[in-house]
Every structure is written in structure tokens, then in C-alpha cells.
C-alpha atoms as a PDB file:
ATOM      1  CA  MET A   1       9.683 -78.989  34.255  1.00  0.00           C
ATOM      2  CA  LYS A   2       6.247 -80.137  32.846  1.00  0.00           C
ATOM      3  CA  ARG A   3       4.903 -77.241  30.804  1.00  0.00           C
ATOM      4  CA  THR A   4       0.979 -76.326  32.193  1.00  0.00           C
ATOM      5  CA  LEU A   5      -1.838 -74.244  29.822  1.00  0.00           C
ATOM      6  CA  LEU A   6      -3.251 -71.927  31.958  1.00  0.00           C
ATOM      7  CA  SER A   7      -7.079 -71.354  31.638  1.00  0.00           C
ATOM      8  CA  LEU A   8      -5.529 -67.455  31.523  1.00  0.00           C
ATOM      9  CA  LEU A   9      -4.987 -64.866  29.407  1.00  0.00           C
ATOM     10  CA  LEU A  10      -1.420 -63.564  28.707  1.00  0.00           C
ATOM     11  CA  ALA A  11      -1.240 -60.136  28.850  1.00  0.00           C
ATOM     12  CA  ALA A  12      -3.621 -57.215  29.263  1.00  0.00           C
ATOM     13  CA  CYS A  13      -4.999 -55.228  26.165  1.00  0.00           C
ATOM     14  CA  SER A  14      -2.375 -52.116  25.479  1.00  0.00           C
ATOM     15  CA  LEU A  15      -3.331 -48.881  24.996  1.00  0.00           C
ATOM     16  CA  PRO A  16      -3.658 -47.254  21.732  1.00  0.00           C
ATOM     17  CA  ALA A  17      -0.725 -46.673  19.966  1.00  0.00           C
ATOM     18  CA  ILE A  18       0.063 -42.660  19.473  1.00  0.00           C
ATOM     19  CA  ALA A  19      -0.582 -42.023  15.804  1.00  0.00           C
ATOM     20  CA  GLN A  20       2.915 -40.531  14.660  1.00  0.00           C
ATOM     21  CA  SER A  21       3.133 -41.399  11.566  1.00  0.00           C
ATOM     22  CA  LEU A  22      -0.475 -39.310  10.845  1.00  0.00           C
ATOM     23  CA  HIS A  23       0.272 -35.243   9.970  1.00  0.00           C
ATOM     24  CA  ILE A  24      -2.083 -32.584   9.653  1.00  0.00           C
ATOM     25  CA  GLU A  25      -1.000 -30.636   6.969  1.00  0.00           C
ATOM     26  CA  ALA A  26      -2.198 -26.817   6.345  1.00  0.00           C
ATOM     27  CA  GLU A  27      -3.057 -25.889   3.091  1.00  0.00           C
ATOM     28  CA  LYS A  28      -3.056 -22.252   1.730  1.00  0.00           C
ATOM     29  CA  SER A  29      -4.469 -20.935  -1.153  1.00  0.00           C
ATOM     30  CA  ALA A  30      -2.934 -17.698  -2.655  1.00  0.00           C
ATOM     31  CA  GLY A  31      -3.084 -14.289  -0.238  1.00  0.00           C
ATOM     32  CA  GLY A  32      -3.720 -17.365   2.720  1.00  0.00           C
ATOM     33  CA  THR A  33      -7.351 -16.170   2.788  1.00  0.00           C
ATOM     34  CA  ARG A  34      -8.318 -19.707   3.270  1.00  0.00           C
ATOM     35  CA  VAL A  35      -6.724 -22.779   4.962  1.00  0.00           C
ATOM     36  CA  THR A  36      -7.714 -26.125   5.065  1.00  0.00           C
ATOM     37  CA  PHE A  37      -6.275 -28.818   7.125  1.00  0.00           C
ATOM     38  CA  VAL A  38      -5.604 -32.475   5.487  1.00  0.00           C
ATOM     39  CA  ALA A  39      -4.461 -35.535   7.030  1.00  0.00           C
ATOM     40  CA  ASP A  40      -1.462 -36.852   5.358  1.00  0.00           C
ATOM     41  CA  ARG A  41       0.469 -39.919   5.991  1.00  0.00           C
ATOM     42  CA  LYS A  42      -2.248 -41.908   7.163  1.00  0.00           C
ATOM     43  CA  GLU A  43      -0.456 -45.397   7.388  1.00  0.00           C
ATOM     44  CA  TYR A  44      -2.684 -46.635  10.244  1.00  0.00           C
ATOM     45  CA  PRO A  45      -5.675 -49.043   8.736  1.00  0.00           C
ATOM     46  CA  GLY A  46      -8.418 -48.128  11.269  1.00  0.00           C
ATOM     47  CA  THR A  47      -9.986 -45.018  12.705  1.00  0.00           C
ATOM     48  CA  THR A  48      -7.436 -42.113  14.137  1.00  0.00           C
ATOM     49  CA  THR A  49      -8.940 -39.753  16.548  1.00  0.00           C
ATOM     50  CA  VAL A  50      -7.554 -36.306  16.409  1.00  0.00           C
ATOM     51  CA  TYR A  51      -7.474 -34.159  19.172  1.00  0.00           C
ATOM     52  CA  PHE A  52      -7.207 -30.719  17.100  1.00  0.00           C
ATOM     53  CA  THR A  53      -6.535 -27.630  18.758  1.00  0.00           C
ATOM     54  CA  LEU A  54      -6.687 -23.867  17.095  1.00  0.00           C
ATOM     55  CA  LYS A  55      -5.192 -21.145  18.499  1.00  0.00           C
ATOM     56  CA  ASP A  56      -4.224 -17.513  17.989  1.00  0.00           C
ATOM     57  CA  LEU A  57      -7.393 -16.799  15.341  1.00  0.00           C
ATOM     58  CA  SER A  58      -7.201 -13.402  13.747  1.00  0.00           C
ATOM     59  CA  ASN A  59      -9.163 -12.178  10.296  1.00  0.00           C
ATOM     60  CA  CYS A  60     -11.269 -15.592  10.397  1.00  0.00           C
ATOM     61  CA  LYS A  61     -15.146 -15.563   9.949  1.00  0.00           C
ATOM     62  CA  ASN A  62     -15.676 -19.281  10.563  1.00  0.00           C
ATOM     63  CA  GLY A  63     -13.321 -20.844  13.430  1.00  0.00           C
ATOM     64  CA  MET A  64     -12.918 -21.036  17.219  1.00  0.00           C
ATOM     65  CA  THR A  65     -10.191 -21.235  18.938  1.00  0.00           C
ATOM     66  CA  GLY A  66     -10.256 -24.609  21.264  1.00  0.00           C
ATOM     67  CA  THR A  67     -10.103 -28.142  21.035  1.00  0.00           C
ATOM     68  CA  GLU A  68     -12.258 -30.562  18.559  1.00  0.00           C
ATOM     69  CA  LYS A  69     -12.611 -34.498  18.717  1.00  0.00           C
ATOM     70  CA  MET A  70     -12.072 -35.602  15.115  1.00  0.00           C
ATOM     71  CA  GLU A  71     -12.188 -39.114  13.477  1.00  0.00           C
ATOM     72  CA  ILE A  72     -10.071 -39.747  10.242  1.00  0.00           C
ATOM     73  CA  ALA A  73     -10.668 -42.742   8.327  1.00  0.00           C
ATOM     74  CA  HIS A  74      -8.467 -41.975   5.167  1.00  0.00           C
ATOM     75  CA  GLU A  75      -5.687 -40.712   3.676  1.00  0.00           C
ATOM     76  CA  GLY A  76      -6.071 -37.149   2.614  1.00  0.00           C
ATOM     77  CA  GLN A  77      -9.525 -36.602   4.922  1.00  0.00           C
ATOM     78  CA  ARG A  78     -10.059 -33.040   4.982  1.00  0.00           C
ATOM     79  CA  VAL A  79      -9.951 -32.077   8.812  1.00  0.00           C
ATOM     80  CA  LYS A  80     -11.123 -28.184   9.074  1.00  0.00           C
ATOM     81  CA  MET A  81     -11.213 -25.279   7.012  1.00  0.00           C
ATOM     82  CA  LEU A  82     -10.895 -21.547   7.641  1.00  0.00           C
ATOM     83  CA  ASN A  83     -11.954 -18.472   5.647  1.00  0.00           C
ATOM     84  CA  ALA A  84     -10.846 -14.535   5.763  1.00  0.00           C
ATOM     85  CA  ALA A  85     -13.081 -11.957   7.360  1.00  0.00           C
ATOM     86  CA  ASN A  86     -11.345  -9.605   4.985  1.00  0.00           C
ATOM     87  CA  GLU A  87      -9.962 -11.354   2.078  1.00  0.00           C
ATOM     88  CA  SER A  88      -7.429  -8.454   1.457  1.00  0.00           C
ATOM     89  CA  ARG A  89      -5.570 -10.212   3.873  1.00  0.00           C
ATOM     90  CA  GLY A  90      -4.638 -13.950   5.207  1.00  0.00           C
ATOM     91  CA  VAL A  91      -5.894 -15.996   8.468  1.00  0.00           C
ATOM     92  CA  GLY A  92      -4.026 -16.291  11.465  1.00  0.00           C
ATOM     93  CA  TYR A  93      -3.529 -18.995  13.758  1.00  0.00           C
ATOM     94  CA  SER A  94      -1.707 -21.259  15.118  1.00  0.00           C
ATOM     95  CA  TYR A  95      -2.677 -25.376  15.881  1.00  0.00           C
ATOM     96  CA  SER A  96      -1.723 -28.125  17.529  1.00  0.00           C
ATOM     97  CA  TYR A  97      -3.233 -31.849  17.522  1.00  0.00           C
ATOM     98  CA  TYR A  98      -2.709 -34.910  19.228  1.00  0.00           C
ATOM     99  CA  CYS A  99      -3.809 -38.532  18.181  1.00  0.00           C
ATOM    100  CA  TYR A 100      -4.606 -42.358  18.952  1.00  0.00           C
ATOM    101  CA  ASN A 101      -4.953 -45.017  16.664  1.00  0.00           C
ATOM    102  CA  CYS A 102      -8.538 -45.892  17.633  1.00  0.00           C
ATOM    103  CA  ARG A 103     -11.990 -44.923  18.162  1.00  0.00           C
ATOM    104  CA  ILE A 104     -12.457 -42.995  21.688  1.00  0.00           C
ATOM    105  CA  ASP A 105     -15.837 -42.456  23.580  1.00  0.00           C
ATOM    106  CA  THR A 106     -18.378 -43.820  20.716  1.00  0.00           C
ATOM    107  CA  LYS A 107     -21.453 -45.390  21.762  1.00  0.00           C
ATOM    108  CA  ILE A 108     -21.673 -48.884  21.998  1.00  0.00           C
ATOM    109  CA  ASP A 109     -24.283 -50.934  19.967  1.00  0.00           C
ATOM    110  CA  GLY A 110     -25.794 -52.765  22.686  1.00  0.00           C
ATOM    111  CA  ASN A 111     -28.022 -55.421  20.047  1.00  0.00           C
ATOM    112  CA  ALA A 112     -25.175 -57.055  18.677  1.00  0.00           C
ATOM    113  CA  VAL A 113     -24.570 -60.216  18.829  1.00  0.00           C
ATOM    114  CA  TYR A 114     -21.452 -61.960  18.354  1.00  0.00           C
ATOM    115  CA  ARG A 115     -20.492 -65.339  16.416  1.00  0.00           C
ATOM    116  CA  MET A 116     -18.306 -67.263  18.606  1.00  0.00           C
ATOM    117  CA  PRO A 117     -14.935 -67.492  17.189  1.00  0.00           C
ATOM    118  CA  CYS A 118     -14.941 -71.114  16.711  1.00  0.00           C
ATOM    119  CA  THR A 119     -16.459 -74.301  14.835  1.00  0.00           C
ATOM    120  CA  THR A 120     -20.329 -75.198  14.875  1.00  0.00           C
ATOM    121  CA  ARG A 121     -19.962 -78.514  14.680  1.00  0.00           C
ATOM    122  CA  ARG A 122     -19.308 -79.183  17.917  1.00  0.00           C
ATOM    123  CA  PRO A 123     -19.423 -77.853  21.740  1.00  0.00           C
ATOM    124  CA  ILE A 124     -16.608 -75.654  22.844  1.00  0.00           C
ATOM    125  CA  ARG A 125     -15.447 -75.410  26.809  1.00  0.00           C
ATOM    126  CA  VAL A 126     -14.980 -71.797  27.226  1.00  0.00           C
ATOM    127  CA  HIS A 127     -13.208 -70.266  29.699  1.00  0.00           C
ATOM    128  CA  SER A 128     -12.357 -66.845  31.710  1.00  0.00           C
ATOM    129  CA  THR A 129      -9.586 -65.293  31.404  1.00  0.00           C
ATOM    130  CA  VAL A 130      -7.299 -63.266  33.788  1.00  0.00           C
ATOM    131  CA  TYR A 131      -3.968 -61.600  33.603  1.00  0.00           C
ATOM    132  CA  VAL A 132      -1.220 -64.370  34.331  1.00  0.00           C
ATOM    133  CA  TYR A 133       1.623 -62.099  36.395  1.00  0.00           C
ATOM    134  CA  ASP A 134      -1.774 -61.305  38.317  1.00  0.00           C
ATOM    135  CA  LYS A 135      -3.123 -64.588  38.424  1.00  0.00           C
ATOM    136  CA  HIS A 136       0.183 -66.437  39.917  1.00  0.00           C
ATOM    137  CA  VAL A 137       2.079 -63.503  41.589  1.00  0.00           C
ATOM    138  CA  HIS A 138      -1.272 -62.311  43.879  1.00  0.00           C
ATOM    139  CA  PRO A 139      -2.776 -66.188  43.796  1.00  0.00           C
ATOM    140  CA  ASP A 140      -5.504 -65.359  46.866  1.00  0.00           C
ATOM    141  CA  GLU A 141      -6.825 -61.888  45.465  1.00  0.00           C
ATOM    142  CA  GLU A 142      -9.481 -61.805  43.147  1.00  0.00           C
ATOM    143  CA  HIS A 143      -8.825 -60.625  39.551  1.00  0.00           C
ATOM    144  CA  LYS A 144     -10.745 -59.008  37.276  1.00  0.00           C
ATOM    145  CA  GLN A 145     -12.261 -60.680  33.792  1.00  0.00           C
ATOM    146  CA  LEU A 146     -10.361 -59.795  30.410  1.00  0.00           C
ATOM    147  CA  GLY A 147     -12.038 -61.681  27.952  1.00  0.00           C
ATOM    148  CA  TYR A 148     -12.647 -65.567  27.448  1.00  0.00           C
ATOM    149  CA  ARG A 149     -10.438 -68.769  26.344  1.00  0.00           C
ATOM    150  CA  PHE A 150     -12.256 -71.090  23.737  1.00  0.00           C
ATOM    151  CA  GLN A 151     -10.558 -74.469  23.816  1.00  0.00           C
ATOM    152  CA  LEU A 152      -9.617 -75.944  20.737  1.00  0.00           C
ATOM    153  CA  GLU A 153      -7.870 -78.529  18.781  1.00  0.00           C
ATOM    154  CA  LYS A 154      -5.117 -78.590  16.314  1.00  0.00           C
ATOM    155  CA  GLY A 155      -5.794 -77.551  12.895  1.00  0.00           C
ATOM    156  CA  ASP A 156      -9.133 -75.627  13.901  1.00  0.00           C
ATOM    157  CA  THR A 157     -10.245 -72.722  12.599  1.00  0.00           C
ATOM    158  CA  VAL A 158     -10.798 -69.106  14.391  1.00  0.00           C
ATOM    159  CA  TYR A 159     -13.442 -67.353  12.741  1.00  0.00           C
ATOM    160  CA  CYS A 160     -14.423 -63.696  12.619  1.00  0.00           C
ATOM    161  CA  ALA A 161     -16.806 -62.767  15.515  1.00  0.00           C
ATOM    162  CA  ARG A 162     -18.286 -59.696  14.025  1.00  0.00           C
ATOM    163  CA  ARG A 163     -17.764 -57.297  10.572  1.00  0.00           C
ATOM    164  CA  GLY A 164     -14.806 -54.686  11.035  1.00  0.00           C
ATOM    165  CA  ARG A 165     -11.920 -54.303   9.756  1.00  0.00           C
ATOM    166  CA  VAL A 166      -8.050 -55.863  10.474  1.00  0.00           C
ATOM    167  CA  VAL A 167      -5.935 -52.943  11.756  1.00  0.00           C
ATOM    168  CA  LYS A 168      -3.308 -54.622  13.204  1.00  0.00           C
ATOM    169  CA  ILE A 169      -1.597 -57.815  13.365  1.00  0.00           C
ATOM    170  CA  GLU A 170       1.183 -58.626  16.458  1.00  0.00           C
ATOM    171  CA  ARG A 171       3.777 -60.485  16.679  1.00  0.00           C
ATOM    172  CA  PRO A 172       4.471 -60.854  20.182  1.00  0.00           C
ATOM    173  CA  GLU A 173       8.203 -60.527  21.287  1.00  0.00           C
ATOM    174  CA  PRO A 174       9.399 -64.579  22.475  1.00  0.00           C
ATOM    175  CA  SER A 175       8.889 -63.947  26.296  1.00  0.00           C
ATOM    176  CA  GLN A 176       8.927 -66.625  29.301  1.00  0.00           C
ATOM    177  CA  PHE A 177       7.228 -66.694  32.474  1.00  0.00           C
ATOM    178  CA  GLU A 178       8.003 -69.491  35.063  1.00  0.00           C
ATOM    179  CA  ARG A 179       6.347 -69.954  38.562  1.00  0.00           C
ATOM    180  CA  GLY A 180       6.886 -73.197  39.677  1.00  0.00           C
ATOM    181  CA  THR A 181       5.275 -75.761  37.646  1.00  0.00           C
ATOM    182  CA  VAL A 182       3.849 -73.147  34.920  1.00  0.00           C
ATOM    183  CA  SER A 183       5.362 -71.948  32.411  1.00  0.00           C
ATOM    184  CA  PHE A 184       4.341 -70.393  29.566  1.00  0.00           C
ATOM    185  CA  SER A 185       5.749 -68.278  25.871  1.00  0.00           C
ATOM    186  CA  THR A 186       4.078 -65.749  23.723  1.00  0.00           C
ATOM    187  CA  GLU A 187       5.283 -66.725  20.537  1.00  0.00           C
ATOM    188  CA  THR A 188       2.318 -66.184  18.960  1.00  0.00           C
ATOM    189  CA  VAL A 189       0.535 -64.015  16.634  1.00  0.00           C
ATOM    190  CA  ASN A 190      -2.508 -61.540  18.392  1.00  0.00           C
ATOM    191  CA  ILE A 191      -5.448 -59.925  15.594  1.00  0.00           C
ATOM    192  CA  THR A 192      -7.360 -56.451  16.550  1.00  0.00           C
ATOM    193  CA  ILE A 193     -10.594 -56.034  14.543  1.00  0.00           C
ATOM    194  CA  GLU A 194     -11.973 -52.956  14.441  1.00  0.00           C
ATOM    195  CA  HIS A 195     -16.232 -52.771  14.373  1.00  0.00           C
ATOM    196  CA  PRO A 196     -18.331 -49.825  13.398  1.00  0.00           C
ATOM    197  CA  ASP A 197     -19.192 -49.188  16.335  1.00  0.00           C
ATOM    198  CA  GLY A 198     -15.705 -48.570  17.802  1.00  0.00           C
ATOM    199  CA  SER A 199     -15.213 -51.384  19.835  1.00  0.00           C
ATOM    200  CA  GLU A 200     -12.229 -53.446  19.177  1.00  0.00           C
ATOM    201  CA  ALA A 201     -11.983 -57.159  19.372  1.00  0.00           C
ATOM    202  CA  TRP A 202      -8.492 -58.961  20.635  1.00  0.00           C
ATOM    203  CA  TYR A 203      -7.953 -62.359  18.650  1.00  0.00           C
ATOM    204  CA  ILE A 204      -4.856 -63.573  21.013  1.00  0.00           C
ATOM    205  CA  CYS A 205      -2.781 -67.142  20.122  1.00  0.00           C
ATOM    206  CA  VAL A 206      -3.437 -68.035  16.604  1.00  0.00           C
ATOM    207  CA  ASP A 207      -0.747 -69.946  14.584  1.00  0.00           C
ATOM    208  CA  PRO A 208       1.159 -67.704  12.597  1.00  0.00           C
ATOM    209  CA  GLU A 209       2.356 -69.612   9.601  1.00  0.00           C
ATOM    210  CA  SER A 210      -1.614 -69.635   8.805  1.00  0.00           C
ATOM    211  CA  LEU A 211      -3.008 -66.328   8.809  1.00  0.00           C
ATOM    212  CA  MET A 212      -5.523 -65.607   6.451  1.00  0.00           C
ATOM    213  CA  VAL A 213      -6.059 -62.231   6.586  1.00  0.00           C
ATOM    214  CA  GLU A 214      -3.526 -58.516   6.924  1.00  0.00           C
ATOM    215  CA  PRO A 215      -4.016 -55.472   8.079  1.00  0.00           C
ATOM    216  CA  GLY A 216      -6.723 -53.323   5.994  1.00  0.00           C
ATOM    217  CA  ASP A 217      -8.748 -56.374   5.131  1.00  0.00           C
ATOM    218  CA  ASP A 218     -12.786 -55.625   6.309  1.00  0.00           C
ATOM    219  CA  VAL A 219     -13.836 -58.916   7.162  1.00  0.00           C
ATOM    220  CA  MET A 220     -17.567 -60.267   8.020  1.00  0.00           C
ATOM    221  CA  PRO A 221     -18.829 -62.654  10.676  1.00  0.00           C
ATOM    222  CA  GLY A 222     -17.639 -66.439   9.809  1.00  0.00           C
ATOM    223  CA  ASP A 223     -14.822 -65.069   8.053  1.00  0.00           C
ATOM    224  CA  PRO A 224     -11.482 -67.206   8.274  1.00  0.00           C
ATOM    225  CA  LEU A 225      -8.834 -65.553  10.133  1.00  0.00           C
ATOM    226  CA  ALA A 226      -6.164 -67.938  10.573  1.00  0.00           C
ATOM    227  CA  LEU A 227      -5.886 -71.460  12.479  1.00  0.00           C
ATOM    228  CA  ALA A 228      -5.953 -71.711  16.725  1.00  0.00           C
ATOM    229  CA  GLY A 229      -2.582 -71.299  18.145  1.00  0.00           C
ATOM    230  CA  THR A 230      -0.933 -73.193  20.987  1.00  0.00           C
ATOM    231  CA  TYR A 231       1.501 -72.002  23.908  1.00  0.00           C
ATOM    232  CA  ASP A 232       2.894 -75.480  24.770  1.00  0.00           C
ATOM    233  CA  TYR A 233       2.148 -77.384  21.258  1.00  0.00           C
ATOM    234  CA  GLU A 234      -0.066 -79.890  22.800  1.00  0.00           C
ATOM    235  CA  ASN A 235      -3.296 -77.520  23.995  1.00  0.00           C
ATOM    236  CA  TYR A 236      -4.954 -75.511  21.176  1.00  0.00           C
ATOM    237  CA  ASN A 237      -6.842 -72.127  22.261  1.00  0.00           C
ATOM    238  CA  VAL A 238      -7.834 -69.040  21.008  1.00  0.00           C
ATOM    239  CA  SER A 239      -8.321 -66.129  23.077  1.00  0.00           C
ATOM    240  CA  LEU A 240     -10.708 -63.462  22.982  1.00  0.00           C
ATOM    241  CA  GLN A 241     -11.005 -59.561  24.140  1.00  0.00           C
ATOM    242  CA  ILE A 242     -13.330 -57.397  23.549  1.00  0.00           C
ATOM    243  CA  TYR A 243     -13.201 -53.647  24.254  1.00  0.00           C
ATOM    244  CA  ARG A 244     -13.571 -49.909  23.986  1.00  0.00           C
ATOM    245  CA  TYR A 245     -11.426 -46.946  24.771  1.00  0.00           C
ATOM    246  CA  VAL A 246     -12.505 -43.981  26.936  1.00  0.00           C
ATOM    247  CA  THR A 247     -11.023 -40.841  27.939  1.00  0.00           C
ATOM    248  CA  ASP A 248      -9.621 -41.059  31.835  1.00  0.00           C
ATOM    249  CA  PRO A 249      -9.314 -37.785  33.369  1.00  0.00           C
ATOM    250  CA  SER A 250      -7.718 -39.813  36.255  1.00  0.00           C
ATOM    251  CA  LYS A 251      -4.661 -40.557  34.019  1.00  0.00           C
ATOM    252  CA  PRO A 252      -1.754 -38.186  35.142  1.00  0.00           C
ATOM    253  CA  GLY A 253      -1.544 -35.125  32.354  1.00  0.00           C
ATOM    254  CA  HIS A 254      -5.253 -34.937  31.062  1.00  0.00           C
ATOM    255  CA  THR A 255      -6.089 -32.170  29.377  1.00  0.00           C
ATOM    256  CA  ALA A 256      -8.846 -31.733  26.656  1.00  0.00           C
ATOM    257  CA  GLN A 257      -5.976 -30.994  24.201  1.00  0.00           C
ATOM    258  CA  HIS A 258      -3.768 -34.284  25.193  1.00  0.00           C
ATOM    259  CA  PRO A 259      -6.456 -36.599  27.370  1.00  0.00           C
ATOM    260  CA  GLY A 260      -5.778 -39.659  29.059  1.00  0.00           C
ATOM    261  CA  ILE A 261      -7.256 -42.918  27.756  1.00  0.00           C
ATOM    262  CA  SER A 262      -8.154 -46.010  28.908  1.00  0.00           C
ATOM    263  CA  HIS A 263      -9.552 -49.276  27.834  1.00  0.00           C
ATOM    264  CA  ARG A 264     -12.830 -51.033  29.385  1.00  0.00           C
ATOM    265  CA  GLN A 265     -13.227 -54.656  28.760  1.00  0.00           C
ATOM    266  CA  LEU A 266     -17.142 -55.346  26.878  1.00  0.00           C
ATOM    267  CA  PHE A 267     -19.057 -58.592  27.457  1.00  0.00           C
ATOM    268  CA  PRO A 268     -21.299 -59.404  24.854  1.00  0.00           C
ATOM    269  CA  ARG A 269     -24.114 -61.777  23.955  1.00  0.00           C
ATOM    270  CA  PHE A 270     -22.971 -64.598  21.725  1.00  0.00           C
ATOM    271  CA  ALA A 271     -24.953 -66.606  19.414  1.00  0.00           C
ATOM    272  CA  THR A 272     -25.209 -70.558  20.791  1.00  0.00           C
ATOM    273  CA  THR A 273     -27.505 -72.945  20.107  1.00  0.00           C
ATOM    274  CA  GLU A 274     -28.851 -72.697  23.860  1.00  0.00           C
ATOM    275  CA  GLY A 275     -29.766 -68.692  22.136  1.00  0.00           C
ATOM    276  CA  ASP A 276     -27.905 -65.317  22.233  1.00  0.00           C
ATOM    277  CA  VAL A 277     -26.058 -65.820  26.118  1.00  0.00           C
ATOM    278  CA  THR A 278     -23.409 -64.339  27.938  1.00  0.00           C
ATOM    279  CA  LEU A 279     -20.425 -66.800  28.159  1.00  0.00           C
ATOM    280  CA  GLU A 280     -19.959 -68.655  31.657  1.00  0.00           C
ATOM    281  CA  HIS A 281     -16.789 -69.888  32.522  1.00  0.00           C
ATOM    282  CA  GLY A 282     -15.890 -73.480  32.558  1.00  0.00           C
ATOM    283  CA  LYS A 283     -19.090 -74.167  30.655  1.00  0.00           C
ATOM    284  CA  SER A 284     -19.385 -75.530  26.862  1.00  0.00           C
ATOM    285  CA  TYR A 285     -21.176 -74.025  24.035  1.00  0.00           C
ATOM    286  CA  THR A 286     -21.976 -74.996  20.462  1.00  0.00           C
ATOM    287  CA  ALA A 287     -21.719 -71.916  18.551  1.00  0.00           C
ATOM    288  CA  VAL A 288     -24.154 -70.790  15.773  1.00  0.00           C
ATOM    289  CA  MET A 289     -23.841 -68.554  12.442  1.00  0.00           C
ATOM    290  CA  ASN A 290     -26.730 -67.330  10.830  1.00  0.00           C
ATOM    291  CA  ASP A 291     -28.268 -64.541   8.039  1.00  0.00           C
ATOM    292  CA  ARG A 292     -28.653 -62.132  11.371  1.00  0.00           C
ATOM    293  CA  LEU A 293     -25.327 -62.079  12.657  1.00  0.00           C
ATOM    294  CA  TYR A 294     -23.711 -61.551   9.333  1.00  0.00           C
ATOM    295  CA  THR A 295     -26.281 -58.907   8.031  1.00  0.00           C
ATOM    296  CA  HIS A 296     -26.414 -56.879  11.600  1.00  0.00           C
ATOM    297  CA  ASP A 297     -24.316 -54.391  10.985  1.00  0.00           C
ATOM    298  CA  MET A 298     -25.187 -54.091   7.379  1.00  0.00           C
ATOM    299  CA  SER A 299     -27.001 -50.917   5.970  1.00  0.00           C
ATOM    300  CA  LYS A 300     -30.164 -50.723   4.886  1.00  0.00           C
ATOM    301  CA  LYS A 301     -28.983 -51.128   1.013  1.00  0.00           C
ATOM    302  CA  GLU A 302     -26.263 -53.654   1.928  1.00  0.00           C
ATOM    303  CA  ARG A 303     -29.038 -55.971   3.351  1.00  0.00           C
ATOM    304  CA  LYS A 304     -31.262 -55.398   0.354  1.00  0.00           C
ATOM    305  CA  ARG A 305     -28.557 -56.035  -1.702  1.00  0.00           C
ATOM    306  CA  PHE A 306     -27.386 -59.780  -0.041  1.00  0.00           C
ATOM    307  CA  ALA A 307     -31.445 -60.743   0.188  1.00  0.00           C
ATOM    308  CA  GLY A 308     -31.534 -60.085  -3.402  1.00  0.00           C
ATOM    309  CA  ASN A 309     -28.195 -62.472  -4.062  1.00  0.00           C
ATOM    310  CA  LYS A 310     -29.996 -64.896  -2.220  1.00  0.00           C
ATOM    311  CA  ARG A 311     -32.926 -65.199  -4.294  1.00  0.00           C
END
């Protein structure tokens, strides 16, 4: 059977993993007059969102019952502190929490322009991607676009599109899909990068033997991530999805303490020789890399230092 490379995405992005390793520890002072809640056992290199619920408060002068959303960036981060109203006895409380390994309901930077994740030396054809299973099981239906596929060549480098932190490198279990003359496998590697505004980029199908980053690495636009991957050892490409996570009350079991979460695809502008554009299916573009892309997510202090280093 002839293997045909599809202009499709092999899978939709998954929901964020529940941060089962993260623990919120209650540290008490002598007599229990001060209670400090601290993030412990944080293994995820990106941001963990915590829905922290306090109940049954007594003898507390600075706490309120209810649920708060907090973002945990590092091990040992203080989540909350309670102080006794009457220091002759301790604070009474109970608490629970629920965690997601991602940022949720953040304000997305609409001014951010992305670098195409490919070479600047030649035009690259871009295809819209959809979920391949839906496309071939329901061929007559209209399908939602998930992202882009960049048609590359063997040995091409995949570059970081925007500043962020590598939070996940996935090695999917080998699987096959066959229908008629179409087949594909998922024996490739995917990289997830968290951006400063809470959005994420999912680089799908890179060569597993050429990884140049690992979880926890901070990366900048233009940094090499890996070489282009392939599903059939004939056609080389990388797919890119950009998305954010939002609370979704329509999810079964949604509550303030344990909200349902969904992802929303983003289609930002990319820097090309034609200007900053939203990429169109089937067109070819030549990528651009410049200081504007590199410094967009920098602080004023970082930009000043960057400008000084260029003199």
C-alpha cells in the first residue's frame, strides 16, 4: 500500500495534565498561630494553576472562606498565610486544592508577532491542519482548523516561534491509522512551549534523534529546537498549534473548586517578507527574523541590556 503524507494534523491538542505531583503543604508555627501554605514537590517546569479552597476558618484575622485561583511558578512558592486573631490559640481551618499544569484564562498579547518555525532562506509552503481522524471518517463535513503544517526538507531545522519555556517533550506511543490508500504513524516527538502571556505552542513531528532542548529550557525566537520530522521517511515537515486554556462551565462536573477546562486555538500573525500576516492554506511564505521579534516579550531592562550588547 502506498503511504501518503496528509496535509492534516494527527491529533488535536490534549487537555492540560492534572498536577498530581504538586502538593500544598500547611506549615504551622509553634502553637499554630500562623499557618503558611507552601507549594511542594513541583516537578512540572512550567506554570501550575491552583484552585485553592479554604473552609471551616476560625480564629483567623486575615482569611476568607472560598476558592482562589493562584499560579505556582516554582518549588517552595508561598500560596497563602493565615494569622490567628487571638494568639492564645491556633488558627482553625480545612483546605483543598485542584491543580492544572498550564495557565488558565490569561490575557493574550494580541500584539505578539511570531517567527515562522522554519528557514529564512527560501519560501515554505503552509497548509492548514485539522484532526485527521475526523477528516477521513467524516470526509463530507467541514472541519475546524487546528494549526499549520510547514512543508520542509530533510535536515531542515525547526526554530522557536516565540519566547517561552519548554514545558513538555512528548514521545507518543507508536500507532497506525489506515483507510484506503492513506496511512500514517505517530512515531515522532512533539515539543510544548509556554509563552509569557500563558498561551502555548505545540511543535508536532520533530526528529527524535535531533532534539536540541529539554524541559525547563528557556528559549527565544529563532532558537533551534530540533530537525524536521517525518511520518513516511519521504516528506519532512513540522506542524504548529498555538492555543490557550480557558475555564469551561459546559464541562460535566464544573465547579468553582474544580473547573472544567478547554483549549481555544489561536491564529496569530507571522513575520514574512510580505509583512506580518495570518498564514493562508496552500500559500508559500518566506520567514523573517529580526530584533523586533526577539525583543517583543522582553522587559524594559532586558531590552536595554540587549541594545547595549549590540553596540
